[in-house]
């Protein structure tokens, strides 16, 4: 199992225990809304929102990395083609040079 996954599960467990131990009702004010909800619910929603933000940021990073990998693969293919063409050209020039330098008998 990946160590990052284990650490994430550990912190999720800590947040859940903390939320359950602090389950009293609290008043929430946001912009023009006011409501009374369980503090545990506020903690869990905040943790879920934080996890979502981290996921989205890592998704952006993954997409950028995949784009770089794709561009690198294209560059490698283009350089391989150029390498093959240059090798063929070198072989042809070497053969021509041998023909020219070959003593006539």
PDB file of N, CA and C in Angstrom:
ATOM      1  N   UNK A   1       0.840  -1.171   0.000  1.00  0.00           N
ATOM      2  CA  UNK A   1       0.000   0.000   0.000  1.00  0.00           C
ATOM      3  C   UNK A   1       0.892   1.244   0.000  1.00  0.00           C
ATOM      4  N   UNK A   2       0.475   2.240  -0.730  1.00  0.00           N
ATOM      5  CA  UNK A   2       1.238   3.483  -0.835  1.00  0.00           C
ATOM      6  C   UNK A   2       1.225   4.212   0.503  1.00  0.00           C
ATOM      7  N   UNK A   3       2.383   4.727   0.906  1.00  0.00           N
ATOM      8  CA  UNK A   3       2.487   5.398   2.210  1.00  0.00           C
ATOM      9  C   UNK A   3       1.640   6.657   2.259  1.00  0.00           C
ATOM     10  N   UNK A   4       1.471   7.340   1.133  1.00  0.00           N
ATOM     11  CA  UNK A   4       0.646   8.553   1.113  1.00  0.00           C
ATOM     12  C   UNK A   4      -0.819   8.217   1.405  1.00  0.00           C
ATOM     13  N   UNK A   5      -1.256   7.093   0.883  1.00  0.00           N
ATOM     14  CA  UNK A   5      -2.631   6.660   1.131  1.00  0.00           C
ATOM     15  C   UNK A   5      -2.839   6.339   2.607  1.00  0.00           C
ATOM     16  N   UNK A   6      -1.860   5.689   3.212  1.00  0.00           N
ATOM     17  CA  UNK A   6      -1.942   5.354   4.637  1.00  0.00           C
ATOM     18  C   UNK A   6      -1.986   6.626   5.484  1.00  0.00           C
ATOM     19  N   UNK A   7      -1.147   7.601   5.142  1.00  0.00           N
ATOM     20  CA  UNK A   7      -1.135   8.873   5.876  1.00  0.00           C
ATOM     21  C   UNK A   7      -2.467   9.590   5.709  1.00  0.00           C
ATOM     22  N   UNK A   8      -3.012   9.579   4.500  1.00  0.00           N
ATOM     23  CA  UNK A   8      -4.304  10.229   4.253  1.00  0.00           C
ATOM     24  C   UNK A   8      -5.411   9.554   5.066  1.00  0.00           C
ATOM     25  N   UNK A   9      -5.393   8.225   5.122  1.00  0.00           N
ATOM     26  CA  UNK A   9      -6.397   7.519   5.930  1.00  0.00           C
ATOM     27  C   UNK A   9      -6.257   7.850   7.408  1.00  0.00           C
ATOM     28  N   UNK A  10      -5.027   7.963   7.882  1.00  0.00           N
ATOM     29  CA  UNK A  10      -4.786   8.299   9.272  1.00  0.00           C
ATOM     30  C   UNK A  10      -5.351   9.680   9.607  1.00  0.00           C
ATOM     31  N   UNK A  11      -5.078  10.663   8.749  1.00  0.00           N
ATOM     32  CA  UNK A  11      -5.604  12.005   8.989  1.00  0.00           C
ATOM     33  C   UNK A  11      -7.122  12.049   8.855  1.00  0.00           C
ATOM     34  N   UNK A  12      -7.680  11.280   7.945  1.00  0.00           N
ATOM     35  CA  UNK A  12      -9.137  11.217   7.811  1.00  0.00           C
ATOM     36  C   UNK A  12      -9.756  10.644   9.085  1.00  0.00           C
ATOM     37  N   UNK A  13      -9.114   9.645   9.652  1.00  0.00           N
ATOM     38  CA  UNK A  13      -9.598   9.065  10.903  1.00  0.00           C
ATOM     39  C   UNK A  13      -9.511  10.074  12.037  1.00  0.00           C
ATOM     40  N   UNK A  14      -8.411  10.817  12.103  1.00  0.00           N
ATOM     41  CA  UNK A  14      -8.272  11.853  13.126  1.00  0.00           C
ATOM     42  C   UNK A  14      -9.362  12.922  12.997  1.00  0.00           C
ATOM     43  N   UNK A  15      -9.644  13.352  11.773  1.00  0.00           N
ATOM     44  CA  UNK A  15     -10.679  14.366  11.546  1.00  0.00           C
ATOM     45  C   UNK A  15     -12.039  13.819  11.954  1.00  0.00           C
ATOM     46  N   UNK A  16     -12.309  12.566  11.608  1.00  0.00           N
ATOM     47  CA  UNK A  16     -13.605  11.965  11.968  1.00  0.00           C
ATOM     48  C   UNK A  16     -13.762  11.874  13.483  1.00  0.00           C
ATOM     49  N   UNK A  17     -12.732  11.447  14.181  1.00  0.00           N
ATOM     50  CA  UNK A  17     -12.807  11.348  15.649  1.00  0.00           C
ATOM     51  C   UNK A  17     -12.979  12.734  16.259  1.00  0.00           C
ATOM     52  N   UNK A  18     -12.217  13.707  15.754  1.00  0.00           N
ATOM     53  CA  UNK A  18     -12.336  15.084  16.246  1.00  0.00           C
ATOM     54  C   UNK A  18     -13.749  15.615  16.014  1.00  0.00           C
ATOM     55  N   UNK A  19     -14.306  15.352  14.849  1.00  0.00           N
ATOM     56  CA  UNK A  19     -15.648  15.832  14.527  1.00  0.00           C
ATOM     57  C   UNK A  19     -16.689  15.197  15.438  1.00  0.00           C
ATOM     58  N   UNK A  20     -16.557  13.909  15.683  1.00  0.00           N
ATOM     59  CA  UNK A  20     -17.537  13.220  16.533  1.00  0.00           C
ATOM     60  C   UNK A  20     -17.454  13.676  17.986  1.00  0.00           C
ATOM     61  N   UNK A  21     -16.265  14.031  18.448  1.00  0.00           N
ATOM     62  CA  UNK A  21     -16.113  14.496  19.822  1.00  0.00           C
ATOM     63  C   UNK A  21     -16.590  15.945  19.981  1.00  0.00           C
ATOM     64  N   UNK A  22     -16.747  16.660  18.885  1.00  0.00           N
ATOM     65  CA  UNK A  22     -17.201  18.047  18.918  1.00  0.00           C
ATOM     66  C   UNK A  22     -18.494  18.165  18.101  1.00  0.00           C
ATOM     67  N   UNK A  23     -19.506  17.443  18.539  1.00  0.00           N
ATOM     68  CA  UNK A  23     -20.740  17.347  17.766  1.00  0.00           C
ATOM     69  C   UNK A  23     -21.807  18.345  18.209  1.00  0.00           C
ATOM     70  N   UNK A  24     -21.482  19.291  19.036  1.00  0.00           N
ATOM     71  CA  UNK A  24     -22.477  20.258  19.507  1.00  0.00           C
ATOM     72  C   UNK A  24     -22.957  21.171  18.386  1.00  0.00           C
ATOM     73  N   UNK A  25     -24.102  21.780  18.607  1.00  0.00           N
ATOM     74  CA  UNK A  25     -24.666  22.693  17.611  1.00  0.00           C
ATOM     75  C   UNK A  25     -23.940  24.039  17.650  1.00  0.00           C
ATOM     76  N   UNK A  26     -23.697  24.592  16.466  1.00  0.00           N
ATOM     77  CA  UNK A  26     -23.071  25.905  16.358  1.00  0.00           C
ATOM     78  C   UNK A  26     -23.868  26.755  15.375  1.00  0.00           C
ATOM     79  N   UNK A  27     -23.805  28.074  15.556  1.00  0.00           N
ATOM     80  CA  UNK A  27     -24.459  28.998  14.634  1.00  0.00           C
ATOM     81  C   UNK A  27     -23.455  29.394  13.559  1.00  0.00           C
ATOM     82  N   UNK A  28     -23.883  29.290  12.322  1.00  0.00           N
ATOM     83  CA  UNK A  28     -23.030  29.612  11.179  1.00  0.00           C
ATOM     84  C   UNK A  28     -23.627  30.820  10.460  1.00  0.00           C
ATOM     85  N   UNK A  29     -22.787  31.813  10.176  1.00  0.00           N
ATOM     86  CA  UNK A  29     -23.201  32.973   9.392  1.00  0.00           C
ATOM     87  C   UNK A  29     -22.318  33.037   8.159  1.00  0.00           C
ATOM     88  N   UNK A  30     -22.955  33.075   6.988  1.00  0.00           N
ATOM     89  CA  UNK A  30     -22.223  33.185   5.734  1.00  0.00           C
ATOM     90  C   UNK A  30     -23.002  34.108   4.819  1.00  0.00           C
ATOM     91  N   UNK A  31     -22.372  35.232   4.477  1.00  0.00           N
ATOM     92  CA  UNK A  31     -23.012  36.279   3.691  1.00  0.00           C
ATOM     93  C   UNK A  31     -24.306  36.694   4.372  1.00  0.00           C
ATOM     94  N   UNK A  32     -25.449  36.365   3.783  1.00  0.00           N
ATOM     95  CA  UNK A  32     -26.724  36.755   4.396  1.00  0.00           C
ATOM     96  C   UNK A  32     -27.411  35.582   5.069  1.00  0.00           C
ATOM     97  N   UNK A  33     -26.798  34.405   5.020  1.00  0.00           N
ATOM     98  CA  UNK A  33     -27.444  33.216   5.595  1.00  0.00           C
ATOM     99  C   UNK A  33     -26.989  33.012   7.036  1.00  0.00           C
ATOM    100  N   UNK A  34     -27.915  32.555   7.850  1.00  0.00           N
ATOM    101  CA  UNK A  34     -27.591  32.151   9.218  1.00  0.00           C
ATOM    102  C   UNK A  34     -28.318  30.852   9.495  1.00  0.00           C
ATOM    103  N   UNK A  35     -27.566  29.873  10.001  1.00  0.00           N
ATOM    104  CA  UNK A  35     -28.192  28.599  10.338  1.00  0.00           C
ATOM    105  C   UNK A  35     -27.459  27.949  11.491  1.00  0.00           C
ATOM    106  N   UNK A  36     -28.127  27.023  12.116  1.00  0.00           N
ATOM    107  CA  UNK A  36     -27.561  26.294  13.238  1.00  0.00           C
ATOM    108  C   UNK A  36     -27.406  24.834  12.815  1.00  0.00           C
ATOM    109  N   UNK A  37     -26.139  24.347  12.844  1.00  0.00           N
ATOM    110  CA  UNK A  37     -25.855  22.965  12.435  1.00  0.00           C
ATOM    111  C   UNK A  37     -24.883  22.338  13.421  1.00  0.00           C
ATOM    112  N   UNK A  38     -24.735  21.046  13.284  1.00  0.00           N
ATOM    113  CA  UNK A  38     -23.791  20.316  14.127  1.00  0.00           C
ATOM    114  C   UNK A  38     -22.357  20.710  13.757  1.00  0.00           C
ATOM    115  N   UNK A  39     -21.535  20.909  14.769  1.00  0.00           N
ATOM    116  CA  UNK A  39     -20.138  21.264  14.534  1.00  0.00           C
ATOM    117  C   UNK A  39     -19.417  20.127  13.805  1.00  0.00           C
ATOM    118  N   UNK A  40     -19.816  18.906  14.083  1.00  0.00           N
ATOM    119  CA  UNK A  40     -19.217  17.756  13.397  1.00  0.00           C
ATOM    120  C   UNK A  40     -19.473  17.852  11.898  1.00  0.00           C
ATOM    121  N   UNK A  41     -20.670  18.254  11.523  1.00  0.00           N
ATOM    122  CA  UNK A  41     -21.009  18.394  10.110  1.00  0.00           C
ATOM    123  C   UNK A  41     -20.160  19.496   9.461  1.00  0.00           C
ATOM    124  N   UNK A  42     -19.969  20.593  10.150  1.00  0.00           N
ATOM    125  CA  UNK A  42     -19.140  21.684   9.631  1.00  0.00           C
ATOM    126  C   UNK A  42     -17.703  21.206   9.446  1.00  0.00           C
ATOM    127  N   UNK A  43     -17.169  20.478  10.402  1.00  0.00           N
ATOM    128  CA  UNK A  43     -15.788  19.972  10.316  1.00  0.00           C
ATOM    129  C   UNK A  43     -15.649  19.010   9.148  1.00  0.00           C
ATOM    130  N   UNK A  44     -16.600  18.072   9.019  1.00  0.00           N
ATOM    131  CA  UNK A  44     -16.518  17.083   7.948  1.00  0.00           C
ATOM    132  C   UNK A  44     -16.676  17.725   6.573  1.00  0.00           C
ATOM    133  N   UNK A  45     -17.590  18.693   6.446  1.00  0.00           N
ATOM    134  CA  UNK A  45     -17.765  19.378   5.159  1.00  0.00           C
ATOM    135  C   UNK A  45     -16.505  20.184   4.819  1.00  0.00           C
ATOM    136  N   UNK A  46     -15.922  20.830   5.803  1.00  0.00           N
ATOM    137  CA  UNK A  46     -14.688  21.591   5.570  1.00  0.00           C
ATOM    138  C   UNK A  46     -13.554  20.663   5.137  1.00  0.00           C
ATOM    139  N   UNK A  47     -13.439  19.517   5.780  1.00  0.00           N
ATOM    140  CA  UNK A  47     -12.395  18.555   5.412  1.00  0.00           C
ATOM    141  C   UNK A  47     -12.629  18.011   4.000  1.00  0.00           C
ATOM    142  N   UNK A  48     -13.885  17.736   3.671  1.00  0.00           N
ATOM    143  CA  UNK A  48     -14.210  17.235   2.330  1.00  0.00           C
ATOM    144  C   UNK A  48     -13.906  18.300   1.275  1.00  0.00           C
ATOM    145  N   UNK A  49     -14.226  19.555   1.576  1.00  0.00           N
ATOM    146  CA  UNK A  49     -13.927  20.639   0.646  1.00  0.00           C
ATOM    147  C   UNK A  49     -12.417  20.782   0.453  1.00  0.00           C
ATOM    148  N   UNK A  50     -11.667  20.674   1.524  1.00  0.00           N
ATOM    149  CA  UNK A  50     -10.207  20.729   1.426  1.00  0.00           C
ATOM    150  C   UNK A  50      -9.653  19.592   0.586  1.00  0.00           C
ATOM    151  N   UNK A  51     -10.204  18.395   0.768  1.00  0.00           N
ATOM    152  CA  UNK A  51      -9.765  17.243  -0.024  1.00  0.00           C
ATOM    153  C   UNK A  51     -10.089  17.454  -1.499  1.00  0.00           C
ATOM    154  N   UNK A  52     -11.245  18.043  -1.780  1.00  0.00           N
ATOM    155  CA  UNK A  52     -11.633  18.318  -3.161  1.00  0.00           C
ATOM    156  C   UNK A  52     -10.674  19.322  -3.805  1.00  0.00           C
ATOM    157  N   UNK A  53     -10.305  20.353  -3.076  1.00  0.00           N
ATOM    158  CA  UNK A  53      -9.370  21.351  -3.594  1.00  0.00           C
ATOM    159  C   UNK A  53      -8.020  20.702  -3.887  1.00  0.00           C
ATOM    160  N   UNK A  54      -7.530  19.875  -2.983  1.00  0.00           N
ATOM    161  CA  UNK A  54      -6.247  19.184  -3.193  1.00  0.00           C
ATOM    162  C   UNK A  54      -6.340  18.266  -4.416  1.00  0.00           C
ATOM    163  N   UNK A  55      -7.460  17.570  -4.558  1.00  0.00           N
ATOM    164  CA  UNK A  55      -7.653  16.685  -5.707  1.00  0.00           C
ATOM    165  C   UNK A  55      -7.631  17.473  -7.013  1.00  0.00           C
ATOM    166  N   UNK A  56      -8.331  18.597  -7.050  1.00  0.00           N
ATOM    167  CA  UNK A  56      -8.371  19.402  -8.275  1.00  0.00           C
ATOM    168  C   UNK A  56      -6.998  19.968  -8.626  1.00  0.00           C
ATOM    169  N   UNK A  57      -6.267  20.412  -7.621  1.00  0.00           N
ATOM    170  CA  UNK A  57      -4.920  20.923  -7.879  1.00  0.00           C
ATOM    171  C   UNK A  57      -3.984  19.825  -8.386  1.00  0.00           C
ATOM    172  N   UNK A  58      -4.102  18.631  -7.812  1.00  0.00           N
ATOM    173  CA  UNK A  58      -3.256  17.529  -8.274  1.00  0.00           C
ATOM    174  C   UNK A  58      -3.676  17.071  -9.668  1.00  0.00           C
ATOM    175  N   UNK A  59      -4.963  17.205  -9.987  1.00  0.00           N
ATOM    176  CA  UNK A  59      -5.441  16.855 -11.322  1.00  0.00           C
ATOM    177  C   UNK A  59      -4.849  17.803 -12.363  1.00  0.00           C
ATOM    178  N   UNK A  60      -4.803  19.078 -12.048  1.00  0.00           N
ATOM    179  CA  UNK A  60      -4.187  20.054 -12.953  1.00  0.00           C
ATOM    180  C   UNK A  60      -2.717  19.716 -13.159  1.00  0.00           C
ATOM    181  N   UNK A  61      -2.025  19.393 -12.083  1.00  0.00           N
ATOM    182  CA  UNK A  61      -0.608  19.030 -12.175  1.00  0.00           C
ATOM    183  C   UNK A  61      -0.418  17.780 -13.032  1.00  0.00           C
ATOM    184  N   UNK A  62      -1.302  16.794 -12.861  1.00  0.00           N
ATOM    185  CA  UNK A  62      -1.227  15.559 -13.634  1.00  0.00           C
ATOM    186  C   UNK A  62      -1.439  15.839 -15.120  1.00  0.00           C
ATOM    187  N   UNK A  63      -2.409  16.696 -15.442  1.00  0.00           N
ATOM    188  CA  UNK A  63      -2.683  17.031 -16.845  1.00  0.00           C
ATOM    189  C   UNK A  63      -1.474  17.725 -17.467  1.00  0.00           C
ATOM    190  N   UNK A  64      -0.855  18.633 -16.745  1.00  0.00           N
ATOM    191  CA  UNK A  64       0.336  19.324 -17.250  1.00  0.00           C
ATOM    192  C   UNK A  64       1.471  18.321 -17.490  1.00  0.00           C
ATOM    193  N   UNK A  65       1.660  17.397 -16.555  1.00  0.00           N
ATOM    194  CA  UNK A  65       2.714  16.377 -16.711  1.00  0.00           C
ATOM    195  C   UNK A  65       2.434  15.482 -17.921  1.00  0.00           C
ATOM    196  N   UNK A  66       1.179  15.096 -18.107  1.00  0.00           N
ATOM    197  CA  UNK A  66       0.833  14.257 -19.254  1.00  0.00           C
ATOM    198  C   UNK A  66       1.088  14.992 -20.561  1.00  0.00           C
ATOM    199  N   UNK A  67       0.812  16.287 -20.582  1.00  0.00           N
ATOM    200  CA  UNK A  67       1.074  17.086 -21.774  1.00  0.00           C
ATOM    201  C   UNK A  67       2.567  17.130 -22.078  1.00  0.00           C
ATOM    202  N   UNK A  68       3.381  17.309 -21.037  1.00  0.00           N
ATOM    203  CA  UNK A  68       4.837  17.331 -21.228  1.00  0.00           C
ATOM    204  C   UNK A  68       5.341  15.984 -21.722  1.00  0.00           C
ATOM    205  N   UNK A  69       4.792  14.903 -21.187  1.00  0.00           N
ATOM    206  CA  UNK A  69       5.187  13.559 -21.622  1.00  0.00           C
ATOM    207  C   UNK A  69       4.827  13.354 -23.089  1.00  0.00           C
ATOM    208  N   UNK A  70       3.637  13.788 -23.479  1.00  0.00           N
ATOM    209  CA  UNK A  70       3.187  13.638 -24.861  1.00  0.00           C
ATOM    210  C   UNK A  70       4.085  14.435 -25.803  1.00  0.00           C
ATOM    211  N   UNK A  71       4.418  15.667 -25.425  1.00  0.00           N
ATOM    212  CA  UNK A  71       5.305  16.491 -26.250  1.00  0.00           C
ATOM    213  C   UNK A  71       6.692  15.873 -26.332  1.00  0.00           C
ATOM    214  N   UNK A  72       7.174  15.315 -25.225  1.00  0.00           N
ATOM    215  CA  UNK A  72       8.471  14.652 -25.223  1.00  0.00           C
ATOM    216  C   UNK A  72       8.489  13.438 -26.141  1.00  0.00           C
ATOM    217  N   UNK A  73       7.402  12.681 -26.146  1.00  0.00           N
ATOM    218  CA  UNK A  73       7.309  11.507 -27.013  1.00  0.00           C
ATOM    219  C   UNK A  73       7.320  11.927 -28.485  1.00  0.00           C
ATOM    220  N   UNK A  74       6.638  13.016 -28.802  1.00  0.00           N
ATOM    221  CA  UNK A  74       6.646  13.519 -30.182  1.00  0.00           C
ATOM    222  C   UNK A  74       8.052  13.933 -30.594  1.00  0.00           C
ATOM    223  N   UNK A  75       8.755  14.609 -29.690  1.00  0.00           N
ATOM    224  CA  UNK A  75      10.128  15.038 -29.977  1.00  0.00           C
ATOM    225  C   UNK A  75      11.036  13.830 -30.190  1.00  0.00           C
ATOM    226  N   UNK A  76      10.873  12.819 -29.356  1.00  0.00           N
ATOM    227  CA  UNK A  76      11.688  11.599 -29.484  1.00  0.00           C
ATOM    228  C   UNK A  76      11.434  10.940 -30.838  1.00  0.00           C
ATOM    229  N   UNK A  77      10.161  10.833 -31.231  1.00  0.00           N
ATOM    230  CA  UNK A  77       9.844  10.214 -32.524  1.00  0.00           C
ATOM    231  C   UNK A  77      10.442  11.012 -33.680  1.00  0.00           C
ATOM    232  N   UNK A  78      10.346  12.335 -33.615  1.00  0.00           N
ATOM    233  CA  UNK A  78      10.908  13.168 -34.682  1.00  0.00           C
ATOM    234  C   UNK A  78      12.423  13.006 -34.745  1.00  0.00           C
ATOM    235  N   UNK A  79      13.076  12.964 -33.597  1.00  0.00           N
ATOM    236  CA  UNK A  79      14.534  12.796 -33.582  1.00  0.00           C
ATOM    237  C   UNK A  79      14.943  11.404 -34.049  1.00  0.00           C
ATOM    238  N   UNK A  80      14.144  10.392 -33.731  1.00  0.00           N
ATOM    239  CA  UNK A  80      14.434   9.040 -34.229  1.00  0.00           C
ATOM    240  C   UNK A  80      14.367   9.000 -35.753  1.00  0.00           C
ATOM    241  N   UNK A  81      13.345   9.638 -36.317  1.00  0.00           N
ATOM    242  CA  UNK A  81      13.214   9.681 -37.779  1.00  0.00           C
ATOM    243  C   UNK A  81      14.409  10.412 -38.401  1.00  0.00           C
ATOM    244  N   UNK A  82      14.785  11.535 -37.818  1.00  0.00           N
ATOM    245  CA  UNK A  82      15.931  12.293 -38.326  1.00  0.00           C
ATOM    246  C   UNK A  82      17.205  11.469 -38.220  1.00  0.00           C
ATOM    247  N   UNK A  83      17.370  10.726 -37.118  1.00  0.00           N
ATOM    248  CA  UNK A  83      18.539   9.874 -36.916  1.00  0.00           C
ATOM    249  C   UNK A  83      18.605   8.791 -37.993  1.00  0.00           C
ATOM    250  N   UNK A  84      17.469   8.165 -38.294  1.00  0.00           N
ATOM    251  CA  UNK A  84      17.439   7.120 -39.336  1.00  0.00           C
ATOM    252  C   UNK A  84      17.810   7.699 -40.691  1.00  0.00           C
ATOM    253  N   UNK A  85      17.272   8.879 -41.006  1.00  0.00           N
ATOM    254  CA  UNK A  85      17.581   9.504 -42.293  1.00  0.00           C
ATOM    255  C   UNK A  85      19.065   9.843 -42.395  1.00  0.00           C
ATOM    256  N   UNK A  86      19.627  10.371 -41.313  1.00  0.00           N
ATOM    257  CA  UNK A  86      21.048  10.724 -41.334  1.00  0.00           C
ATOM    258  C   UNK A  86      21.937   9.484 -41.428  1.00  0.00           C
ATOM    259  N   UNK A  87      21.555   8.391 -40.785  1.00  0.00           N
ATOM    260  CA  UNK A  87      22.330   7.153 -40.896  1.00  0.00           C
ATOM    261  C   UNK A  87      22.316   6.620 -42.328  1.00  0.00           C
ATOM    262  N   UNK A  88      21.126   6.681 -42.957  1.00  0.00           N
ATOM    263  CA  UNK A  88      21.034   6.223 -44.350  1.00  0.00           C
ATOM    264  C   UNK A  88      21.892   7.102 -45.259  1.00  0.00           C
ATOM    265  N   UNK A  89      21.860   8.398 -45.037  1.00  0.00           N
ATOM    266  CA  UNK A  89      22.658   9.328 -45.824  1.00  0.00           C
ATOM    267  C   UNK A  89      24.148   9.052 -45.626  1.00  0.00           C
ATOM    268  N   UNK A  90      24.563   8.783 -44.389  1.00  0.00           N
ATOM    269  CA  UNK A  90      25.961   8.469 -44.090  1.00  0.00           C
ATOM    270  C   UNK A  90      26.385   7.184 -44.796  1.00  0.00           C
ATOM    271  N   UNK A  91      25.525   6.170 -44.770  1.00  0.00           N
ATOM    272  CA  UNK A  91      25.849   4.907 -45.447  1.00  0.00           C
ATOM    273  C   UNK A  91      26.014   5.123 -46.945  1.00  0.00           C
ATOM    274  N   UNK A  92      25.110   5.940 -47.521  1.00  0.00           N
ATOM    275  CA  UNK A  92      25.203   6.211 -48.957  1.00  0.00           C
ATOM    276  C   UNK A  92      26.485   6.970 -49.271  1.00  0.00           C
ATOM    277  N   UNK A  93      26.842   7.944 -48.470  1.00  0.00           N
ATOM    278  CA  UNK A  93      28.058   8.731 -48.711  1.00  0.00           C
ATOM    279  C   UNK A  93      29.304   7.869 -48.529  1.00  0.00           C
ATOM    280  N   UNK A  94      29.272   6.983 -47.528  1.00  0.00           N
ATOM    281  CA  UNK A  94      30.410   6.087 -47.305  1.00  0.00           C
ATOM    282  C   UNK A  94      30.570   5.146 -48.489  1.00  0.00           C
ATOM    283  N   UNK A  95      29.469   4.616 -48.997  1.00  0.00           N
ATOM    284  CA  UNK A  95      29.532   3.718 -50.152  1.00  0.00           C
ATOM    285  C   UNK A  95      30.047   4.474 -51.373  1.00  0.00           C
ATOM    286  N   UNK A  96      29.588   5.694 -51.588  1.00  0.00           N
ATOM    287  CA  UNK A  96      30.067   6.497 -52.720  1.00  0.00           C
ATOM    288  C   UNK A  96      31.551   6.794 -52.586  1.00  0.00           C
ATOM    289  N   UNK A  97      32.000   7.101 -51.380  1.00  0.00           N
ATOM    290  CA  UNK A  97      33.415   7.405 -51.147  1.00  0.00           C
ATOM    291  C   UNK A  97      34.269   6.177 -51.425  1.00  0.00           C
ATOM    292  N   UNK A  98      33.790   5.010 -51.013  1.00  0.00           N
ATOM    293  CA  UNK A  98      34.534   3.777 -51.281  1.00  0.00           C
ATOM    294  C   UNK A  98      34.615   3.513 -52.774  1.00  0.00           C
ATOM    295  N   UNK A  99      33.532   3.822 -53.503  1.00  0.00           N
ATOM    296  CA  UNK A  99      33.532   3.634 -54.949  1.00  0.00           C
ATOM    297  C   UNK A  99      34.556   4.555 -55.615  1.00  0.00           C
ATOM    298  N   UNK A 100      34.622   5.802 -55.130  1.00  0.00           N
ATOM    299  CA  UNK A 100      35.539   6.783 -55.714  1.00  0.00           C
ATOM    300  C   UNK A 100      36.981   6.429 -55.387  1.00  0.00           C
ATOM    301  N   UNK A 101      37.266   6.025 -54.175  1.00  0.00           N
ATOM    302  CA  UNK A 101      38.633   5.736 -53.745  1.00  0.00           C
ATOM    303  C   UNK A 101      39.114   4.348 -54.133  1.00  0.00           C
ATOM    304  N   UNK A 102      38.240   3.514 -54.615  1.00  0.00           N
ATOM    305  CA  UNK A 102      38.585   2.146 -54.970  1.00  0.00           C
ATOM    306  C   UNK A 102      39.534   2.185 -56.162  1.00  0.00           C
ATOM    307  N   UNK A 103      40.721   1.542 -56.032  1.00  0.00           N
ATOM    308  CA  UNK A 103      41.671   1.570 -57.146  1.00  0.00           C
ATOM    309  C   UNK A 103      41.134   0.752 -58.314  1.00  0.00           C
ATOM    310  N   UNK A 104      41.378   1.260 -59.494  1.00  0.00           N
ATOM    311  CA  UNK A 104      40.950   0.544 -60.691  1.00  0.00           C
ATOM    312  C   UNK A 104      41.996  -0.488 -61.067  1.00  0.00           C
ATOM    313  N   UNK A 105      41.554  -1.631 -61.399  1.00  0.00           N
ATOM    314  CA  UNK A 105      42.487  -2.697 -61.745  1.00  0.00           C
ATOM    315  C   UNK A 105      42.398  -3.061 -63.180  1.00  0.00           C
TER     316      UNK A 105
END
